[in-house]
Amino acid sequence: MFLHYIDAIAWQEDVKYYTLGRGVNTDIGRTNNLLTYAHFCACLLKRAHWADMLNRYSMGVSPLPKANIPEAFPELNAGY
C-alpha cells in the first residue's frame, strides 16, 4: 500500500508540471520527489546523513544525489 501511495504522489507531480507546460522528463517533479523518499530511506538505514537531508529539505525537496545511490543502496547493484 505504501508503494501505491508513493506512486500516486509521483503521478501528481507529473500532472502538475505537465499542466504548467514543463517537461516531465527532467529531474523536477516525479524524480525529485522519489529521490527525496530514497534519501529519507538511506538516512533510516544510516547510509546517509540526516543533516545533509534536512539541510536540503529546507528548499522543499531533498533528492539523494544520483552519484550516492550505489553507496546508499548496494543491494541494487548485485553484479548481474
C-alpha atoms as a PDB file:
ATOM      1  CA  MET A   1       0.000   0.000   0.000  1.00  0.00           C
ATOM      2  CA  PHE A   2       2.860   2.368   0.806  1.00  0.00           C
ATOM      3  CA  LEU A   3       4.313   1.979  -2.695  1.00  0.00           C
ATOM      4  CA  HIS A   4       0.922   2.788  -4.212  1.00  0.00           C
ATOM      5  CA  TYR A   5       0.843   5.980  -2.151  1.00  0.00           C
ATOM      6  CA  ILE A   6       4.345   6.981  -3.286  1.00  0.00           C
ATOM      7  CA  ASP A   7       3.413   6.232  -6.908  1.00  0.00           C
ATOM      8  CA  ALA A   8       0.282   8.395  -6.591  1.00  0.00           C
ATOM      9  CA  ILE A   9       2.379  11.303  -5.332  1.00  0.00           C
ATOM     10  CA  ALA A  10       4.761  10.847  -8.266  1.00  0.00           C
ATOM     11  CA  TRP A  11       1.850  10.879 -10.728  1.00  0.00           C
ATOM     12  CA  GLN A  12       0.510  14.035  -9.099  1.00  0.00           C
ATOM     13  CA  GLU A  13       3.887  15.703  -9.656  1.00  0.00           C
ATOM     14  CA  ASP A  14       3.865  14.685 -13.324  1.00  0.00           C
ATOM     15  CA  VAL A  15       0.373  16.131 -13.779  1.00  0.00           C
ATOM     16  CA  LYS A  16       1.322  19.357 -12.009  1.00  0.00           C
ATOM     17  CA  TYR A  17       4.394  20.004 -14.146  1.00  0.00           C
ATOM     18  CA  TYR A  18       2.704  18.874 -17.371  1.00  0.00           C
ATOM     19  CA  THR A  19      -0.171  21.292 -16.674  1.00  0.00           C
ATOM     20  CA  LEU A  20       2.345  24.101 -16.125  1.00  0.00           C
ATOM     21  CA  GLY A  21       3.843  23.329 -19.541  1.00  0.00           C
ATOM     22  CA  ARG A  22       7.110  21.943 -18.221  1.00  0.00           C
ATOM     23  CA  GLY A  23       8.628  18.699 -19.406  1.00  0.00           C
ATOM     24  CA  VAL A  24       8.083  15.703 -17.170  1.00  0.00           C
ATOM     25  CA  ASN A  25      11.276  14.060 -18.411  1.00  0.00           C
ATOM     26  CA  THR A  26      13.539  16.341 -16.413  1.00  0.00           C
ATOM     27  CA  ASP A  27      14.751  15.999 -12.835  1.00  0.00           C
ATOM     28  CA  ILE A  28      11.893  18.069 -11.453  1.00  0.00           C
ATOM     29  CA  GLY A  29       8.638  16.740 -10.082  1.00  0.00           C
ATOM     30  CA  ARG A  30       8.483  12.945 -10.002  1.00  0.00           C
ATOM     31  CA  THR A  31      12.246  12.401  -9.994  1.00  0.00           C
ATOM     32  CA  ASN A  32      12.992  14.875  -7.208  1.00  0.00           C
ATOM     33  CA  ASN A  33      10.150  13.535  -5.079  1.00  0.00           C
ATOM     34  CA  LEU A  34      11.135   9.896  -5.463  1.00  0.00           C
ATOM     35  CA  LEU A  35      14.808  10.701  -4.811  1.00  0.00           C
ATOM     36  CA  THR A  36      13.729  12.592  -1.680  1.00  0.00           C
ATOM     37  CA  TYR A  37      11.999   9.444  -0.415  1.00  0.00           C
ATOM     38  CA  ALA A  38      15.125   7.459  -1.298  1.00  0.00           C
ATOM     39  CA  HIS A  39      17.214   9.977   0.674  1.00  0.00           C
ATOM     40  CA  PHE A  40      14.917   9.540   3.668  1.00  0.00           C
ATOM     41  CA  CYS A  41      15.225   5.733   3.419  1.00  0.00           C
ATOM     42  CA  ALA A  42      19.013   5.998   3.150  1.00  0.00           C
ATOM     43  CA  CYS A  43      19.026   8.052   6.360  1.00  0.00           C
ATOM     44  CA  LEU A  44      16.880   5.461   8.126  1.00  0.00           C
ATOM     45  CA  LEU A  45      19.367   2.791   7.027  1.00  0.00           C
ATOM     46  CA  LYS A  46      22.215   5.002   8.309  1.00  0.00           C
ATOM     47  CA  ARG A  47      23.723   5.183   4.838  1.00  0.00           C
ATOM     48  CA  ALA A  48      23.224   8.943   4.508  1.00  0.00           C
ATOM     49  CA  HIS A  49      23.429  11.803   6.969  1.00  0.00           C
ATOM     50  CA  TRP A  50      20.301  13.391   8.403  1.00  0.00           C
ATOM     51  CA  ALA A  51      21.980  16.806   8.437  1.00  0.00           C
ATOM     52  CA  ASP A  52      22.527  16.690   4.668  1.00  0.00           C
ATOM     53  CA  MET A  53      18.978  15.584   4.034  1.00  0.00           C
ATOM     54  CA  LEU A  54      17.352  18.134   6.322  1.00  0.00           C
ATOM     55  CA  ASN A  55      19.565  20.985   5.098  1.00  0.00           C
ATOM     56  CA  ARG A  56      18.461  20.417   1.508  1.00  0.00           C
ATOM     57  CA  TYR A  57      14.861  19.786   2.584  1.00  0.00           C
ATOM     58  CA  SER A  58      14.594  23.419   3.623  1.00  0.00           C
ATOM     59  CA  MET A  59      14.108  24.098  -0.120  1.00  0.00           C
ATOM     60  CA  GLY A  60      11.113  21.741  -0.296  1.00  0.00           C
ATOM     61  CA  VAL A  61      12.770  18.583  -1.572  1.00  0.00           C
ATOM     62  CA  SER A  62      15.975  16.777  -0.712  1.00  0.00           C
ATOM     63  CA  PRO A  63      16.802  14.384  -3.533  1.00  0.00           C
ATOM     64  CA  LEU A  64      19.503  11.838  -2.904  1.00  0.00           C
ATOM     65  CA  PRO A  65      22.318  12.722  -5.316  1.00  0.00           C
ATOM     66  CA  LYS A  66      22.365  10.148  -8.116  1.00  0.00           C
ATOM     67  CA  ALA A  67      26.076   9.576  -7.536  1.00  0.00           C
ATOM     68  CA  ASN A  68      25.258   8.432  -3.973  1.00  0.00           C
ATOM     69  CA  ILE A  69      22.694   5.805  -4.948  1.00  0.00           C
ATOM     70  CA  PRO A  70      25.162   2.877  -5.326  1.00  0.00           C
ATOM     71  CA  GLU A  71      26.648   3.624  -1.903  1.00  0.00           C
ATOM     72  CA  ALA A  72      23.273   4.108  -0.219  1.00  0.00           C
ATOM     73  CA  PHE A  73      21.659   1.040  -1.796  1.00  0.00           C
ATOM     74  CA  PRO A  74      24.363  -1.510  -2.676  1.00  0.00           C
ATOM     75  CA  GLU A  75      21.663  -4.198  -2.878  1.00  0.00           C
ATOM     76  CA  LEU A  76      20.520  -2.650  -6.169  1.00  0.00           C
ATOM     77  CA  ASN A  77      23.888  -3.440  -7.769  1.00  0.00           C
ATOM     78  CA  ALA A  78      24.140  -7.169  -7.244  1.00  0.00           C
ATOM     79  CA  GLY A  79      26.515  -7.608 -10.198  1.00  0.00           C
ATOM     80  CA  TYR A  80      24.010  -9.200 -12.569  1.00  0.00           C
END
